[in-house]
């Protein structure tokens, strides 16, 4: 069976456009505790550039899936994917706040292009990130 060229091209583009999941740790304490938290992009498709230790870290809000279609706020969770790119030359750790009790820690090696996907508690409205070396 032969596929049309356009279909093959779309399949190839789809495969290369998705980033791998970031390497994680579960350490929310430690060097992050005294570092300022910053607001991550709030709109899908928007990118914010953070600088940590001379490294530019690009964070893009890739997608959001509404888990509470009735519009309720409370403890509803929305599945959100953020893309992280470390454009710097040194290793950086990122701590992403999921809710008031849980953080994800991601390892960002130089040149990393990876995704963080989690169920974020809707009532917080914004997601925060902090960085450490």
Protein backbone atom coordinates (compact mmCIF):
# COMPACT_ATOMS: atom_id res chain seq x y z
CA UNK A 1 0.00 0.00 0.00
CA UNK A 2 1.36 3.41 -0.94
CA UNK A 3 0.50 6.55 1.04
CA UNK A 4 0.13 10.00 -0.49
CA UNK A 5 3.22 12.17 -0.05
CA UNK A 6 1.29 14.75 1.98
CA UNK A 7 0.08 12.09 4.42
CA UNK A 8 3.63 10.76 4.86
CA UNK A 9 4.94 14.28 5.44
CA UNK A 10 2.27 14.97 8.07
CA UNK A 11 3.13 11.73 9.84
CA UNK A 12 6.84 12.60 9.91
CA UNK A 13 6.17 16.15 11.12
CA UNK A 14 3.88 14.81 13.83
CA UNK A 15 6.57 12.46 15.09
CA UNK A 16 9.30 15.09 15.29
CA UNK A 17 7.14 17.83 16.79
CA UNK A 18 6.30 16.00 20.03
CA UNK A 19 8.92 16.38 22.75
CA UNK A 20 9.83 13.64 25.19
CA UNK A 21 8.73 13.90 28.80
CA UNK A 22 11.25 15.65 31.02
CA UNK A 23 13.43 13.62 33.37
CA UNK A 24 11.90 14.04 36.83
CA UNK A 25 12.91 14.00 40.44
CA UNK A 26 10.52 14.26 43.35
CA UNK A 27 12.62 16.61 45.45
CA UNK A 28 10.57 19.73 46.10
CA UNK A 29 12.75 20.93 48.95
CA UNK A 30 16.37 21.90 48.89
CA UNK A 31 17.78 24.62 46.67
CA UNK A 32 14.38 25.80 45.44
CA UNK A 33 13.08 26.85 48.84
CA UNK A 34 14.62 30.34 48.79
CA UNK A 35 14.33 30.94 45.06
CA UNK A 36 11.60 33.14 43.66
CA UNK A 37 8.71 31.45 41.90
CA UNK A 38 7.69 32.84 38.53
CA UNK A 39 4.40 32.61 36.69
CA UNK A 40 4.43 30.28 33.69
CA UNK A 41 2.55 31.19 30.48
CA UNK A 42 -1.21 31.32 31.00
CA UNK A 43 -2.40 30.98 27.39
CA UNK A 44 -1.90 27.98 25.12
CA UNK A 45 0.77 28.75 22.53
CA UNK A 46 2.46 31.47 24.61
CA UNK A 47 6.13 31.22 25.60
CA UNK A 48 7.93 32.87 28.51
CA UNK A 49 11.73 33.05 28.68
CA UNK A 50 13.32 32.73 32.12
CA UNK A 51 17.03 33.23 32.80
CA UNK A 52 18.69 31.16 35.51
CA UNK A 53 22.45 31.06 36.06
CA UNK A 54 23.08 32.49 32.59
CA UNK A 55 20.82 29.91 30.91
CA UNK A 56 17.75 30.90 28.93
CA UNK A 57 14.89 28.52 29.71
CA UNK A 58 11.95 28.70 27.29
CA UNK A 59 8.63 27.57 28.75
CA UNK A 60 5.65 27.21 26.41
CA UNK A 61 2.11 26.29 27.40
CA UNK A 62 1.46 23.51 24.89
CA UNK A 63 -2.05 22.39 25.72
CA UNK A 64 -4.75 22.26 28.34
CA UNK A 65 -7.58 19.79 28.75
CA UNK A 66 -10.59 20.98 30.71
CA UNK A 67 -11.35 18.39 33.37
CA UNK A 68 -14.32 20.34 34.76
CA UNK A 69 -16.66 21.03 31.83
CA UNK A 70 -19.37 22.38 34.12
CA UNK A 71 -17.14 25.39 34.88
CA UNK A 72 -16.69 24.57 38.55
CA UNK A 73 -13.55 25.87 40.22
CA UNK A 74 -12.93 24.07 43.54
CA UNK A 75 -10.63 21.09 43.50
CA UNK A 76 -11.08 20.34 39.81
CA UNK A 77 -7.89 19.51 37.95
CA UNK A 78 -6.99 20.48 34.40
CA UNK A 79 -4.44 18.44 32.46
CA UNK A 80 -1.83 20.91 31.22
CA UNK A 81 1.34 20.33 29.20
CA UNK A 82 4.27 22.75 29.33
CA UNK A 83 7.29 22.47 27.03
CA UNK A 84 10.71 23.31 28.50
CA UNK A 85 13.80 24.15 26.42
CA UNK A 86 17.17 24.79 28.05
CA UNK A 87 19.03 26.99 25.55
CA UNK A 88 21.96 27.39 27.92
CA UNK A 89 25.19 25.53 28.46
CA UNK A 90 24.70 24.21 32.00
CA UNK A 91 22.35 21.89 33.82
CA UNK A 92 19.26 23.49 35.46
CA UNK A 93 16.55 21.99 37.68
CA UNK A 94 12.98 23.28 37.45
CA UNK A 95 10.33 22.88 40.12
CA UNK A 96 6.76 23.13 38.82
CA UNK A 97 3.97 23.79 41.33
CA UNK A 98 1.02 21.47 40.69
CA UNK A 99 -1.01 22.43 43.78
CA UNK A 100 -0.39 23.61 47.33
CA UNK A 101 1.01 20.20 48.34
CA UNK A 102 2.73 18.82 45.25
CA UNK A 103 5.58 19.85 42.96
CA UNK A 104 7.24 18.19 39.99
CA UNK A 105 10.98 18.57 39.66
CA UNK A 106 12.48 18.36 36.16
CA UNK A 107 16.12 17.97 35.15
CA UNK A 108 16.99 20.24 32.22
CA UNK A 109 20.32 19.36 30.63
CA UNK A 110 21.81 21.80 28.09
CA UNK A 111 19.83 21.51 24.86
CA UNK A 112 16.90 19.77 26.55
CA UNK A 113 13.53 20.00 24.79
CA UNK A 114 10.98 18.17 26.94
CA UNK A 115 7.41 18.29 28.24
CA UNK A 116 5.87 18.36 31.71
CA UNK A 117 2.27 17.13 31.80
CA UNK A 118 0.26 16.96 35.00
CA UNK A 119 -3.16 17.54 36.52
CA UNK A 120 -2.99 21.09 37.87
CA UNK A 121 -5.52 22.25 40.47
CA UNK A 122 -7.77 24.78 38.74
CA UNK A 123 -8.42 27.04 41.73
CA UNK A 124 -4.81 28.30 41.57
CA UNK A 125 -5.45 29.89 38.14
CA UNK A 126 -1.72 30.23 37.37
CA UNK A 127 1.12 27.74 37.44
CA UNK A 128 4.46 28.61 39.00
CA UNK A 129 8.02 27.49 38.33
CA UNK A 130 11.28 28.04 40.19
CA UNK A 131 14.80 27.08 39.19
CA UNK A 132 17.97 25.82 40.85
CA UNK A 133 21.42 24.75 39.69
